[in-house]
Amino acid sequence: AHIGTWELDPRTLLLELDATSQSLMGVGRRTSFADAEIAVHIDDRPRLRKALAASLDPARRAPYALRARPPF
């Protein structure tokens, strides 16, 4: 499987990506969450932001899970 991994700093919303994620998303090793949105279809970006907000909300503690289309 061509699967990458990444970590998000919840305070800064900076991502640190492995080489596979960098290749899949077309971004560098360290990038902002907002800049990484280019890897997701524009129509799926509102759901992406909503999933992130839910996962960062301490009252909800929702797991971050999302299926999204590529940008093309």
N, C-alpha and C. Protein backbone atom coordinates (compact mmCIF):
# COMPACT_ATOMS: atom_id res chain seq x y z
N ALA A 1 0.84 -1.18 0.00
CA ALA A 1 0.00 0.00 0.00
C ALA A 1 0.88 1.23 0.00
N HIS A 2 0.44 2.23 -0.68
CA HIS A 2 1.16 3.50 -0.76
C HIS A 2 0.52 4.44 0.26
N ILE A 3 0.86 4.23 1.55
CA ILE A 3 0.24 4.98 2.64
C ILE A 3 1.32 5.77 3.37
N GLY A 4 1.03 7.02 3.63
CA GLY A 4 1.96 7.86 4.37
C GLY A 4 1.46 8.14 5.77
N THR A 5 2.34 8.70 6.57
CA THR A 5 1.96 9.10 7.92
C THR A 5 2.35 10.55 8.14
N TRP A 6 1.65 11.17 9.05
CA TRP A 6 1.94 12.56 9.39
C TRP A 6 1.54 12.81 10.83
N GLU A 7 2.11 13.86 11.40
CA GLU A 7 1.77 14.30 12.75
C GLU A 7 1.39 15.77 12.67
N LEU A 8 0.40 16.15 13.47
CA LEU A 8 -0.07 17.53 13.51
C LEU A 8 0.16 18.10 14.90
N ASP A 9 0.78 19.27 14.97
CA ASP A 9 0.90 19.98 16.24
C ASP A 9 -0.40 20.76 16.43
N PRO A 10 -1.22 20.40 17.42
CA PRO A 10 -2.53 21.04 17.57
C PRO A 10 -2.45 22.52 17.95
N ARG A 11 -1.33 22.96 18.48
CA ARG A 11 -1.19 24.38 18.84
C ARG A 11 -0.91 25.25 17.63
N THR A 12 -0.08 24.74 16.71
CA THR A 12 0.35 25.55 15.57
C THR A 12 -0.30 25.13 14.25
N LEU A 13 -0.92 23.96 14.23
CA LEU A 13 -1.50 23.36 13.03
C LEU A 13 -0.43 23.12 11.95
N LEU A 14 0.80 22.86 12.40
CA LEU A 14 1.86 22.48 11.48
C LEU A 14 1.93 20.97 11.39
N LEU A 15 2.07 20.50 10.17
CA LEU A 15 2.19 19.07 9.92
C LEU A 15 3.64 18.69 9.70
N GLU A 16 4.00 17.52 10.16
CA GLU A 16 5.29 16.93 9.81
C GLU A 16 4.97 15.62 9.10
N LEU A 17 5.42 15.51 7.84
CA LEU A 17 5.04 14.39 6.99
C LEU A 17 6.23 13.49 6.68
N ASP A 18 5.95 12.20 6.54
CA ASP A 18 7.00 11.29 6.07
C ASP A 18 7.13 11.45 4.55
N ALA A 19 8.12 10.80 3.98
CA ALA A 19 8.40 10.94 2.54
C ALA A 19 7.22 10.53 1.67
N THR A 20 6.50 9.48 2.07
CA THR A 20 5.35 9.03 1.28
C THR A 20 4.25 10.08 1.28
N SER A 21 3.94 10.64 2.44
CA SER A 21 2.91 11.69 2.52
C SER A 21 3.32 12.91 1.72
N GLN A 22 4.59 13.27 1.78
CA GLN A 22 5.07 14.41 1.01
C GLN A 22 4.81 14.18 -0.48
N SER A 23 5.11 12.98 -0.94
CA SER A 23 4.91 12.65 -2.34
C SER A 23 3.44 12.64 -2.72
N LEU A 24 2.61 12.03 -1.87
CA LEU A 24 1.18 11.95 -2.15
C LEU A 24 0.51 13.32 -2.15
N MET A 25 0.93 14.18 -1.23
CA MET A 25 0.26 15.46 -1.04
C MET A 25 0.91 16.61 -1.81
N GLY A 26 2.13 16.39 -2.28
CA GLY A 26 2.80 17.44 -3.04
C GLY A 26 3.25 18.61 -2.19
N VAL A 27 3.60 18.35 -0.94
CA VAL A 27 4.08 19.40 -0.04
C VAL A 27 5.39 18.96 0.60
N GLY A 28 6.03 19.87 1.32
CA GLY A 28 7.30 19.57 1.98
C GLY A 28 7.12 18.81 3.29
N ARG A 29 8.26 18.55 3.94
CA ARG A 29 8.25 17.76 5.18
C ARG A 29 7.49 18.46 6.29
N ARG A 30 7.64 19.78 6.41
CA ARG A 30 6.88 20.55 7.40
C ARG A 30 6.04 21.56 6.64
N THR A 31 4.75 21.53 6.88
CA THR A 31 3.84 22.44 6.19
C THR A 31 2.64 22.72 7.08
N SER A 32 1.94 23.78 6.80
CA SER A 32 0.74 24.09 7.58
C SER A 32 -0.42 23.21 7.11
N PHE A 33 -1.35 23.00 8.00
CA PHE A 33 -2.55 22.23 7.64
C PHE A 33 -3.25 22.91 6.47
N ALA A 34 -3.34 24.24 6.51
CA ALA A 34 -4.01 24.98 5.44
C ALA A 34 -3.33 24.75 4.09
N ASP A 35 -2.00 24.75 4.08
CA ASP A 35 -1.28 24.51 2.82
C ASP A 35 -1.44 23.07 2.33
N ALA A 36 -1.62 22.14 3.25
CA ALA A 36 -1.78 20.73 2.87
C ALA A 36 -3.16 20.46 2.26
N GLU A 37 -4.10 21.38 2.44
CA GLU A 37 -5.44 21.19 1.87
C GLU A 37 -5.41 21.05 0.35
N ILE A 38 -4.34 21.47 -0.29
CA ILE A 38 -4.27 21.35 -1.75
C ILE A 38 -4.34 19.90 -2.21
N ALA A 39 -4.09 18.98 -1.29
CA ALA A 39 -4.12 17.55 -1.62
C ALA A 39 -5.53 16.97 -1.60
N VAL A 40 -6.52 17.81 -1.27
CA VAL A 40 -7.91 17.36 -1.14
C VAL A 40 -8.78 18.13 -2.12
N HIS A 41 -9.73 17.45 -2.72
CA HIS A 41 -10.67 18.09 -3.65
C HIS A 41 -11.33 19.28 -2.97
N ILE A 42 -11.47 20.37 -3.70
CA ILE A 42 -12.01 21.61 -3.13
C ILE A 42 -13.39 21.41 -2.49
N ASP A 43 -14.20 20.54 -3.04
CA ASP A 43 -15.54 20.30 -2.48
C ASP A 43 -15.49 19.52 -1.16
N ASP A 44 -14.37 18.85 -0.90
CA ASP A 44 -14.22 18.08 0.34
C ASP A 44 -13.54 18.88 1.46
N ARG A 45 -13.02 20.04 1.15
CA ARG A 45 -12.27 20.82 2.14
C ARG A 45 -13.11 21.28 3.32
N PRO A 46 -14.37 21.67 3.15
CA PRO A 46 -15.17 22.02 4.34
C PRO A 46 -15.31 20.85 5.31
N ARG A 47 -15.49 19.64 4.80
CA ARG A 47 -15.57 18.46 5.68
C ARG A 47 -14.22 18.21 6.36
N LEU A 48 -13.14 18.47 5.63
CA LEU A 48 -11.80 18.32 6.19
C LEU A 48 -11.63 19.25 7.39
N ARG A 49 -12.00 20.51 7.22
CA ARG A 49 -11.88 21.49 8.31
C ARG A 49 -12.78 21.13 9.48
N LYS A 50 -13.97 20.66 9.18
CA LYS A 50 -14.92 20.27 10.23
C LYS A 50 -14.38 19.08 11.03
N ALA A 51 -13.81 18.10 10.34
CA ALA A 51 -13.24 16.93 11.02
C ALA A 51 -12.06 17.34 11.91
N LEU A 52 -11.24 18.27 11.43
CA LEU A 52 -10.12 18.75 12.23
C LEU A 52 -10.63 19.47 13.48
N ALA A 53 -11.59 20.36 13.30
CA ALA A 53 -12.13 21.11 14.45
C ALA A 53 -12.72 20.16 15.49
N ALA A 54 -13.44 19.15 15.05
CA ALA A 54 -14.04 18.18 15.98
C ALA A 54 -12.97 17.40 16.73
N SER A 55 -11.88 17.06 16.05
CA SER A 55 -10.83 16.29 16.70
C SER A 55 -10.02 17.14 17.68
N LEU A 56 -9.95 18.44 17.46
CA LEU A 56 -9.21 19.33 18.35
C LEU A 56 -10.05 19.87 19.50
N ASP A 57 -11.36 19.67 19.46
CA ASP A 57 -12.26 20.16 20.51
C ASP A 57 -12.17 19.23 21.72
N PRO A 58 -11.65 19.73 22.85
CA PRO A 58 -11.48 18.85 24.02
C PRO A 58 -12.81 18.31 24.55
N ALA A 59 -13.90 19.01 24.33
CA ALA A 59 -15.20 18.53 24.80
C ALA A 59 -15.70 17.35 23.96
N ARG A 60 -15.34 17.33 22.69
CA ARG A 60 -15.83 16.26 21.79
C ARG A 60 -14.87 15.09 21.72
N ARG A 61 -13.56 15.38 21.68
CA ARG A 61 -12.53 14.33 21.59
C ARG A 61 -12.82 13.34 20.46
N ALA A 62 -13.26 13.86 19.33
CA ALA A 62 -13.60 13.02 18.18
C ALA A 62 -12.33 12.52 17.49
N PRO A 63 -12.31 11.28 17.06
CA PRO A 63 -11.16 10.81 16.29
C PRO A 63 -11.15 11.51 14.93
N TYR A 64 -9.96 11.77 14.41
CA TYR A 64 -9.86 12.39 13.09
C TYR A 64 -9.98 11.29 12.06
N ALA A 65 -11.05 11.32 11.32
CA ALA A 65 -11.28 10.33 10.27
C ALA A 65 -11.99 11.02 9.11
N LEU A 66 -11.47 10.83 7.92
CA LEU A 66 -12.06 11.49 6.76
C LEU A 66 -11.64 10.76 5.50
N ARG A 67 -12.57 10.57 4.62
CA ARG A 67 -12.29 10.11 3.27
C ARG A 67 -12.52 11.27 2.35
N ALA A 68 -11.52 11.57 1.53
CA ALA A 68 -11.64 12.71 0.63
C ALA A 68 -11.06 12.32 -0.72
N ARG A 69 -11.54 13.03 -1.73
CA ARG A 69 -11.05 12.80 -3.09
C ARG A 69 -9.77 13.59 -3.34
N PRO A 70 -8.96 13.13 -4.28
CA PRO A 70 -7.78 13.94 -4.65
C PRO A 70 -8.25 15.21 -5.36
N PRO A 71 -7.38 16.20 -5.48
CA PRO A 71 -7.78 17.50 -6.00
C PRO A 71 -8.16 17.53 -7.48
N PHE A 72 -7.82 16.51 -8.21
CA PHE A 72 -8.10 16.52 -9.66
C PHE A 72 -9.26 15.65 -10.02
